[in-house]
């Protein structure tokens, strides 16, 4: 992984470019008075597989609404009136 070091003033002036570089996998270290104070890097989102059987068990235990959705909303609205 490539790493680049820039001052805080440079980072403020070139933030768009630096975030693009970080998104491409480059690490950008931001320094203030020669000391590292921050780092820009790509966000790596973890992806978990969906447990289909667990999802089926969860949804099968949910109560189904017998009312038409519009009627249910109207009833909730009317019941909450003062």
PDB file of N, CA and C in Angstrom:
ATOM      1  N   UNK A   1       0.852  -1.166   0.000  1.00  0.00           N
ATOM      2  CA  UNK A   1       0.000   0.000   0.000  1.00  0.00           C
ATOM      3  C   UNK A   1       0.901   1.234   0.000  1.00  0.00           C
ATOM      4  N   UNK A   2       0.647   2.145  -0.907  1.00  0.00           N
ATOM      5  CA  UNK A   2       1.391   3.394  -0.970  1.00  0.00           C
ATOM      6  C   UNK A   2       0.947   4.309   0.150  1.00  0.00           C
ATOM      7  N   UNK A   3       1.876   5.152   0.601  1.00  0.00           N
ATOM      8  CA  UNK A   3       1.545   6.096   1.659  1.00  0.00           C
ATOM      9  C   UNK A   3       2.087   7.462   1.277  1.00  0.00           C
ATOM     10  N   UNK A   4       1.275   8.477   1.495  1.00  0.00           N
ATOM     11  CA  UNK A   4       1.652   9.847   1.208  1.00  0.00           C
ATOM     12  C   UNK A   4       1.454  10.662   2.473  1.00  0.00           C
ATOM     13  N   UNK A   5       2.351  11.617   2.705  1.00  0.00           N
ATOM     14  CA  UNK A   5       2.246  12.481   3.861  1.00  0.00           C
ATOM     15  C   UNK A   5       2.025  13.913   3.378  1.00  0.00           C
ATOM     16  N   UNK A   6       1.019  14.579   3.933  1.00  0.00           N
ATOM     17  CA  UNK A   6       0.725  15.962   3.573  1.00  0.00           C
ATOM     18  C   UNK A   6       0.474  16.770   4.842  1.00  0.00           C
ATOM     19  N   UNK A   7       0.746  18.065   4.753  1.00  0.00           N
ATOM     20  CA  UNK A   7       0.475  18.936   5.902  1.00  0.00           C
ATOM     21  C   UNK A   7      -1.022  19.187   5.984  1.00  0.00           C
ATOM     22  N   UNK A   8      -1.450  19.666   7.126  1.00  0.00           N
ATOM     23  CA  UNK A   8      -2.867  19.972   7.319  1.00  0.00           C
ATOM     24  C   UNK A   8      -3.338  21.024   6.311  1.00  0.00           C
ATOM     25  N   UNK A   9      -2.518  22.024   6.073  1.00  0.00           N
ATOM     26  CA  UNK A   9      -2.881  23.069   5.108  1.00  0.00           C
ATOM     27  C   UNK A   9      -3.040  22.478   3.706  1.00  0.00           C
ATOM     28  N   UNK A  10      -2.136  21.582   3.314  1.00  0.00           N
ATOM     29  CA  UNK A  10      -2.250  20.922   2.006  1.00  0.00           C
ATOM     30  C   UNK A  10      -3.519  20.076   1.942  1.00  0.00           C
ATOM     31  N   UNK A  11      -3.799  19.363   3.034  1.00  0.00           N
ATOM     32  CA  UNK A  11      -4.977  18.501   3.064  1.00  0.00           C
ATOM     33  C   UNK A  11      -6.246  19.318   2.892  1.00  0.00           C
ATOM     34  N   UNK A  12      -6.301  20.487   3.532  1.00  0.00           N
ATOM     35  CA  UNK A  12      -7.479  21.351   3.400  1.00  0.00           C
ATOM     36  C   UNK A  12      -7.639  21.817   1.960  1.00  0.00           C
ATOM     37  N   UNK A  13      -6.538  22.139   1.325  1.00  0.00           N
ATOM     38  CA  UNK A  13      -6.585  22.662  -0.043  1.00  0.00           C
ATOM     39  C   UNK A  13      -6.859  21.570  -1.074  1.00  0.00           C
ATOM     40  N   UNK A  14      -6.458  20.328  -0.781  1.00  0.00           N
ATOM     41  CA  UNK A  14      -6.557  19.248  -1.773  1.00  0.00           C
ATOM     42  C   UNK A  14      -7.407  18.078  -1.281  1.00  0.00           C
ATOM     43  N   UNK A  15      -8.406  18.350  -0.442  1.00  0.00           N
ATOM     44  CA  UNK A  15      -9.184  17.275   0.175  1.00  0.00           C
ATOM     45  C   UNK A  15      -9.848  16.361  -0.851  1.00  0.00           C
ATOM     46  N   UNK A  16     -10.441  16.928  -1.887  1.00  0.00           N
ATOM     47  CA  UNK A  16     -11.110  16.090  -2.891  1.00  0.00           C
ATOM     48  C   UNK A  16     -10.135  15.121  -3.536  1.00  0.00           C
ATOM     49  N   UNK A  17      -8.975  15.623  -3.927  1.00  0.00           N
ATOM     50  CA  UNK A  17      -7.959  14.767  -4.559  1.00  0.00           C
ATOM     51  C   UNK A  17      -7.477  13.696  -3.599  1.00  0.00           C
ATOM     52  N   UNK A  18      -7.243  14.085  -2.343  1.00  0.00           N
ATOM     53  CA  UNK A  18      -6.732  13.130  -1.365  1.00  0.00           C
ATOM     54  C   UNK A  18      -7.752  12.041  -1.039  1.00  0.00           C
ATOM     55  N   UNK A  19      -9.038  12.400  -0.984  1.00  0.00           N
ATOM     56  CA  UNK A  19     -10.048  11.368  -0.717  1.00  0.00           C
ATOM     57  C   UNK A  19     -10.155  10.409  -1.899  1.00  0.00           C
ATOM     58  N   UNK A  20      -9.980  10.907  -3.108  1.00  0.00           N
ATOM     59  CA  UNK A  20      -9.979  10.012  -4.280  1.00  0.00           C
ATOM     60  C   UNK A  20      -8.794   9.045  -4.207  1.00  0.00           C
ATOM     61  N   UNK A  21      -7.648   9.563  -3.811  1.00  0.00           N
ATOM     62  CA  UNK A  21      -6.468   8.700  -3.692  1.00  0.00           C
ATOM     63  C   UNK A  21      -6.672   7.657  -2.600  1.00  0.00           C
ATOM     64  N   UNK A  22      -7.276   8.073  -1.504  1.00  0.00           N
ATOM     65  CA  UNK A  22      -7.552   7.124  -0.419  1.00  0.00           C
ATOM     66  C   UNK A  22      -8.541   6.058  -0.881  1.00  0.00           C
ATOM     67  N   UNK A  23      -9.565   6.469  -1.621  1.00  0.00           N
ATOM     68  CA  UNK A  23     -10.550   5.513  -2.127  1.00  0.00           C
ATOM     69  C   UNK A  23      -9.904   4.510  -3.080  1.00  0.00           C
ATOM     70  N   UNK A  24      -8.833   4.933  -3.749  1.00  0.00           N
ATOM     71  CA  UNK A  24      -8.126   4.047  -4.671  1.00  0.00           C
ATOM     72  C   UNK A  24      -7.164   3.113  -3.944  1.00  0.00           C
ATOM     73  N   UNK A  25      -7.055   3.271  -2.620  1.00  0.00           N
ATOM     74  CA  UNK A  25      -6.230   2.353  -1.844  1.00  0.00           C
ATOM     75  C   UNK A  25      -4.971   2.962  -1.269  1.00  0.00           C
ATOM     76  N   UNK A  26      -4.695   4.209  -1.580  1.00  0.00           N
ATOM     77  CA  UNK A  26      -3.504   4.861  -1.044  1.00  0.00           C
ATOM     78  C   UNK A  26      -3.798   5.412   0.349  1.00  0.00           C
ATOM     79  N   UNK A  27      -2.848   5.305   1.232  1.00  0.00           N
ATOM     80  CA  UNK A  27      -3.001   5.854   2.579  1.00  0.00           C
ATOM     81  C   UNK A  27      -2.410   7.259   2.586  1.00  0.00           C
ATOM     82  N   UNK A  28      -3.153   8.216   3.127  1.00  0.00           N
ATOM     83  CA  UNK A  28      -2.707   9.601   3.200  1.00  0.00           C
ATOM     84  C   UNK A  28      -2.598   9.977   4.671  1.00  0.00           C
ATOM     85  N   UNK A  29      -1.388  10.321   5.106  1.00  0.00           N
ATOM     86  CA  UNK A  29      -1.154  10.720   6.486  1.00  0.00           C
ATOM     87  C   UNK A  29      -1.128  12.245   6.531  1.00  0.00           C
ATOM     88  N   UNK A  30      -1.916  12.827   7.425  1.00  0.00           N
ATOM     89  CA  UNK A  30      -1.983  14.275   7.574  1.00  0.00           C
ATOM     90  C   UNK A  30      -1.134  14.660   8.779  1.00  0.00           C
ATOM     91  N   UNK A  31      -0.242  15.639   8.561  1.00  0.00           N
ATOM     92  CA  UNK A  31       0.651  16.060   9.629  1.00  0.00           C
ATOM     93  C   UNK A  31       0.386  17.508  10.026  1.00  0.00           C
ATOM     94  N   UNK A  32       0.710  17.803  11.264  1.00  0.00           N
ATOM     95  CA  UNK A  32       0.621  19.171  11.778  1.00  0.00           C
ATOM     96  C   UNK A  32       1.922  19.421  12.532  1.00  0.00           C
ATOM     97  N   UNK A  33       2.670  20.408  12.059  1.00  0.00           N
ATOM     98  CA  UNK A  33       3.983  20.719  12.624  1.00  0.00           C
ATOM     99  C   UNK A  33       4.898  19.496  12.618  1.00  0.00           C
ATOM    100  N   UNK A  34       4.809  18.730  11.550  1.00  0.00           N
ATOM    101  CA  UNK A  34       5.686  17.580  11.365  1.00  0.00           C
ATOM    102  C   UNK A  34       5.252  16.309  12.071  1.00  0.00           C
ATOM    103  N   UNK A  35       4.168  16.355  12.801  1.00  0.00           N
ATOM    104  CA  UNK A  35       3.704  15.158  13.526  1.00  0.00           C
ATOM    105  C   UNK A  35       2.406  14.646  12.918  1.00  0.00           C
ATOM    106  N   UNK A  36       2.280  13.339  12.767  1.00  0.00           N
ATOM    107  CA  UNK A  36       1.035  12.787  12.214  1.00  0.00           C
ATOM    108  C   UNK A  36      -0.146  13.038  13.148  1.00  0.00           C
ATOM    109  N   UNK A  37      -1.244  13.553  12.580  1.00  0.00           N
ATOM    110  CA  UNK A  37      -2.441  13.817  13.381  1.00  0.00           C
ATOM    111  C   UNK A  37      -3.675  13.116  12.826  1.00  0.00           C
ATOM    112  N   UNK A  38      -3.578  12.613  11.616  1.00  0.00           N
ATOM    113  CA  UNK A  38      -4.731  11.935  11.025  1.00  0.00           C
ATOM    114  C   UNK A  38      -4.323  11.096   9.843  1.00  0.00           C
ATOM    115  N   UNK A  39      -5.271  10.285   9.400  1.00  0.00           N
ATOM    116  CA  UNK A  39      -4.979   9.398   8.275  1.00  0.00           C
ATOM    117  C   UNK A  39      -6.246   9.224   7.456  1.00  0.00           C
ATOM    118  N   UNK A  40      -6.113   9.312   6.156  1.00  0.00           N
ATOM    119  CA  UNK A  40      -7.208   8.995   5.242  1.00  0.00           C
ATOM    120  C   UNK A  40      -6.910   7.642   4.632  1.00  0.00           C
ATOM    121  N   UNK A  41      -7.868   6.784   4.655  1.00  0.00           N
ATOM    122  CA  UNK A  41      -7.701   5.471   4.029  1.00  0.00           C
ATOM    123  C   UNK A  41      -9.052   4.983   3.527  1.00  0.00           C
ATOM    124  N   UNK A  42      -9.003   4.008   2.664  1.00  0.00           N
ATOM    125  CA  UNK A  42     -10.223   3.455   2.089  1.00  0.00           C
ATOM    126  C   UNK A  42     -11.024   2.733   3.161  1.00  0.00           C
ATOM    127  N   UNK A  43     -12.327   2.880   3.104  1.00  0.00           N
ATOM    128  CA  UNK A  43     -13.217   2.168   4.018  1.00  0.00           C
ATOM    129  C   UNK A  43     -13.463   0.783   3.436  1.00  0.00           C
ATOM    130  N   UNK A  44     -13.240  -0.214   4.243  1.00  0.00           N
ATOM    131  CA  UNK A  44     -13.486  -1.584   3.821  1.00  0.00           C
ATOM    132  C   UNK A  44     -14.693  -2.080   4.604  1.00  0.00           C
ATOM    133  N   UNK A  45     -15.783  -2.262   3.894  1.00  0.00           N
ATOM    134  CA  UNK A  45     -17.003  -2.728   4.542  1.00  0.00           C
ATOM    135  C   UNK A  45     -17.031  -4.242   4.546  1.00  0.00           C
ATOM    136  N   UNK A  46     -17.282  -4.782   5.715  1.00  0.00           N
ATOM    137  CA  UNK A  46     -17.368  -6.234   5.797  1.00  0.00           C
ATOM    138  C   UNK A  46     -18.754  -6.680   5.335  1.00  0.00           C
ATOM    139  N   UNK A  47     -18.771  -7.734   4.589  1.00  0.00           N
ATOM    140  CA  UNK A  47     -20.038  -8.268   4.098  1.00  0.00           C
ATOM    141  C   UNK A  47     -20.254  -9.627   4.745  1.00  0.00           C
ATOM    142  N   UNK A  48     -21.421  -9.767   5.351  1.00  0.00           N
ATOM    143  CA  UNK A  48     -21.756 -11.036   5.973  1.00  0.00           C
ATOM    144  C   UNK A  48     -22.818 -11.718   5.133  1.00  0.00           C
ATOM    145  N   UNK A  49     -22.690 -12.991   5.027  1.00  0.00           N
ATOM    146  CA  UNK A  49     -23.688 -13.764   4.302  1.00  0.00           C
ATOM    147  C   UNK A  49     -24.986 -13.792   5.102  1.00  0.00           C
ATOM    148  N   UNK A  50     -26.093 -13.768   4.407  1.00  0.00           N
ATOM    149  CA  UNK A  50     -27.402 -13.822   5.049  1.00  0.00           C
ATOM    150  C   UNK A  50     -27.703 -15.270   5.415  1.00  0.00           C
ATOM    151  N   UNK A  51     -28.065 -15.491   6.660  1.00  0.00           N
ATOM    152  CA  UNK A  51     -28.465 -16.817   7.111  1.00  0.00           C
ATOM    153  C   UNK A  51     -29.951 -16.959   6.767  1.00  0.00           C
ATOM    154  N   UNK A  52     -30.223 -17.581   5.629  1.00  0.00           N
ATOM    155  CA  UNK A  52     -31.576 -17.658   5.109  1.00  0.00           C
ATOM    156  C   UNK A  52     -32.501 -18.402   6.067  1.00  0.00           C
ATOM    157  N   UNK A  53     -32.033 -19.462   6.661  1.00  0.00           N
ATOM    158  CA  UNK A  53     -32.877 -20.237   7.575  1.00  0.00           C
ATOM    159  C   UNK A  53     -33.250 -19.405   8.800  1.00  0.00           C
ATOM    160  N   UNK A  54     -32.298 -18.658   9.327  1.00  0.00           N
ATOM    161  CA  UNK A  54     -32.579 -17.794  10.476  1.00  0.00           C
ATOM    162  C   UNK A  54     -33.585 -16.710  10.094  1.00  0.00           C
ATOM    163  N   UNK A  55     -33.438 -16.142   8.900  1.00  0.00           N
ATOM    164  CA  UNK A  55     -34.367 -15.132   8.418  1.00  0.00           C
ATOM    165  C   UNK A  55     -35.778 -15.708   8.281  1.00  0.00           C
ATOM    166  N   UNK A  56     -35.890 -16.930   7.790  1.00  0.00           N
ATOM    167  CA  UNK A  56     -37.210 -17.584   7.668  1.00  0.00           C
ATOM    168  C   UNK A  56     -37.850 -17.795   9.033  1.00  0.00           C
ATOM    169  N   UNK A  57     -37.034 -18.246  10.003  1.00  0.00           N
ATOM    170  CA  UNK A  57     -37.573 -18.446  11.356  1.00  0.00           C
ATOM    171  C   UNK A  57     -38.065 -17.126  11.942  1.00  0.00           C
ATOM    172  N   UNK A  58     -37.307 -16.073  11.731  1.00  0.00           N
ATOM    173  CA  UNK A  58     -37.691 -14.768  12.257  1.00  0.00           C
ATOM    174  C   UNK A  58     -38.982 -14.273  11.626  1.00  0.00           C
ATOM    175  N   UNK A  59     -39.086 -14.342  10.318  1.00  0.00           N
ATOM    176  CA  UNK A  59     -40.277 -13.820   9.649  1.00  0.00           C
ATOM    177  C   UNK A  59     -41.486 -14.697   9.877  1.00  0.00           C
ATOM    178  N   UNK A  60     -41.291 -15.990  10.094  1.00  0.00           N
ATOM    179  CA  UNK A  60     -42.450 -16.856  10.342  1.00  0.00           C
ATOM    180  C   UNK A  60     -43.074 -16.576  11.706  1.00  0.00           C
ATOM    181  N   UNK A  61     -42.292 -16.042  12.626  1.00  0.00           N
ATOM    182  CA  UNK A  61     -42.830 -15.746  13.957  1.00  0.00           C
ATOM    183  C   UNK A  61     -43.477 -14.361  14.030  1.00  0.00           C
ATOM    184  N   UNK A  62     -43.406 -13.603  12.967  1.00  0.00           N
ATOM    185  CA  UNK A  62     -43.991 -12.259  12.970  1.00  0.00           C
ATOM    186  C   UNK A  62     -45.493 -12.343  12.751  1.00  0.00           C
ATOM    187  N   UNK A  63     -46.198 -11.462  13.427  1.00  0.00           N
ATOM    188  CA  UNK A  63     -47.650 -11.431  13.316  1.00  0.00           C
ATOM    189  C   UNK A  63     -48.034 -10.714  12.033  1.00  0.00           C
ATOM    190  N   UNK A  64     -48.937 -11.304  11.305  1.00  0.00           N
ATOM    191  CA  UNK A  64     -49.401 -10.702  10.066  1.00  0.00           C
ATOM    192  C   UNK A  64     -50.562  -9.766  10.363  1.00  0.00           C
ATOM    193  N   UNK A  65     -50.601  -8.662   9.667  1.00  0.00           N
ATOM    194  CA  UNK A  65     -51.678  -7.687   9.842  1.00  0.00           C
ATOM    195  C   UNK A  65     -52.863  -8.116   8.979  1.00  0.00           C
ATOM    196  N   UNK A  66     -53.996  -8.359   9.603  1.00  0.00           N
ATOM    197  CA  UNK A  66     -55.176  -8.824   8.873  1.00  0.00           C
ATOM    198  C   UNK A  66     -55.852  -7.689   8.118  1.00  0.00           C
ATOM    199  N   UNK A  67     -55.710  -6.458   8.622  1.00  0.00           N
ATOM    200  CA  UNK A  67     -56.347  -5.308   7.988  1.00  0.00           C
ATOM    201  C   UNK A  67     -55.638  -4.929   6.696  1.00  0.00           C
ATOM    202  N   UNK A  68     -56.404  -4.285   5.850  1.00  0.00           N
ATOM    203  CA  UNK A  68     -55.805  -3.643   4.702  1.00  0.00           C
ATOM    204  C   UNK A  68     -54.869  -2.566   5.235  1.00  0.00           C
ATOM    205  N   UNK A  69     -53.725  -2.388   4.641  1.00  0.00           N
ATOM    206  CA  UNK A  69     -52.732  -1.433   5.162  1.00  0.00           C
ATOM    207  C   UNK A  69     -53.298  -0.014   5.251  1.00  0.00           C
ATOM    208  N   UNK A  70     -54.049   0.395   4.272  1.00  0.00           N
ATOM    209  CA  UNK A  70     -54.644   1.730   4.294  1.00  0.00           C
ATOM    210  C   UNK A  70     -55.624   1.875   5.439  1.00  0.00           C
ATOM    211  N   UNK A  71     -56.462   0.850   5.664  1.00  0.00           N
ATOM    212  CA  UNK A  71     -57.424   0.885   6.772  1.00  0.00           C
ATOM    213  C   UNK A  71     -56.704   0.927   8.117  1.00  0.00           C
ATOM    214  N   UNK A  72     -55.621   0.158   8.225  1.00  0.00           N
ATOM    215  CA  UNK A  72     -54.865   0.135   9.477  1.00  0.00           C
ATOM    216  C   UNK A  72     -54.270   1.504   9.764  1.00  0.00           C
ATOM    217  N   UNK A  73     -53.733   2.159   8.758  1.00  0.00           N
ATOM    218  CA  UNK A  73     -53.164   3.491   8.959  1.00  0.00           C
ATOM    219  C   UNK A  73     -54.239   4.508   9.333  1.00  0.00           C
ATOM    220  N   UNK A  74     -55.393   4.426   8.673  1.00  0.00           N
ATOM    221  CA  UNK A  74     -56.480   5.343   9.001  1.00  0.00           C
ATOM    222  C   UNK A  74     -56.942   5.139  10.440  1.00  0.00           C
ATOM    223  N   UNK A  75     -57.042   3.873  10.858  1.00  0.00           N
ATOM    224  CA  UNK A  75     -57.469   3.576  12.223  1.00  0.00           C
ATOM    225  C   UNK A  75     -56.463   4.118  13.234  1.00  0.00           C
ATOM    226  N   UNK A  76     -55.186   3.910  12.977  1.00  0.00           N
ATOM    227  CA  UNK A  76     -54.159   4.441  13.869  1.00  0.00           C
ATOM    228  C   UNK A  76     -54.217   5.962  13.928  1.00  0.00           C
ATOM    229  N   UNK A  77     -54.420   6.585  12.781  1.00  0.00           N
ATOM    230  CA  UNK A  77     -54.511   8.049  12.740  1.00  0.00           C
ATOM    231  C   UNK A  77     -55.723   8.535  13.510  1.00  0.00           C
ATOM    232  N   UNK A  78     -56.865   7.902  13.276  1.00  0.00           N
ATOM    233  CA  UNK A  78     -58.115   8.328  13.931  1.00  0.00           C
ATOM    234  C   UNK A  78     -58.071   8.092  15.444  1.00  0.00           C
ATOM    235  N   UNK A  79     -57.464   6.989  15.871  1.00  0.00           N
ATOM    236  CA  UNK A  79     -57.404   6.691  17.299  1.00  0.00           C
ATOM    237  C   UNK A  79     -56.486   7.638  18.052  1.00  0.00           C
ATOM    238  N   UNK A  80     -55.538   8.227  17.352  1.00  0.00           N
ATOM    239  CA  UNK A  80     -54.601   9.110  18.044  1.00  0.00           C
ATOM    240  C   UNK A  80     -55.095  10.556  18.122  1.00  0.00           C
ATOM    241  N   UNK A  81     -56.239  10.818  17.519  1.00  0.00           N
ATOM    242  CA  UNK A  81     -56.791  12.184  17.599  1.00  0.00           C
ATOM    243  C   UNK A  81     -57.311  12.451  18.995  1.00  0.00           C
ATOM    244  N   UNK A  82     -57.343  13.678  19.372  1.00  0.00           N
ATOM    245  CA  UNK A  82     -57.753  14.084  20.718  1.00  0.00           C
ATOM    246  C   UNK A  82     -59.206  14.286  20.819  1.00  0.00           C
TER     247      UNK A  82
END
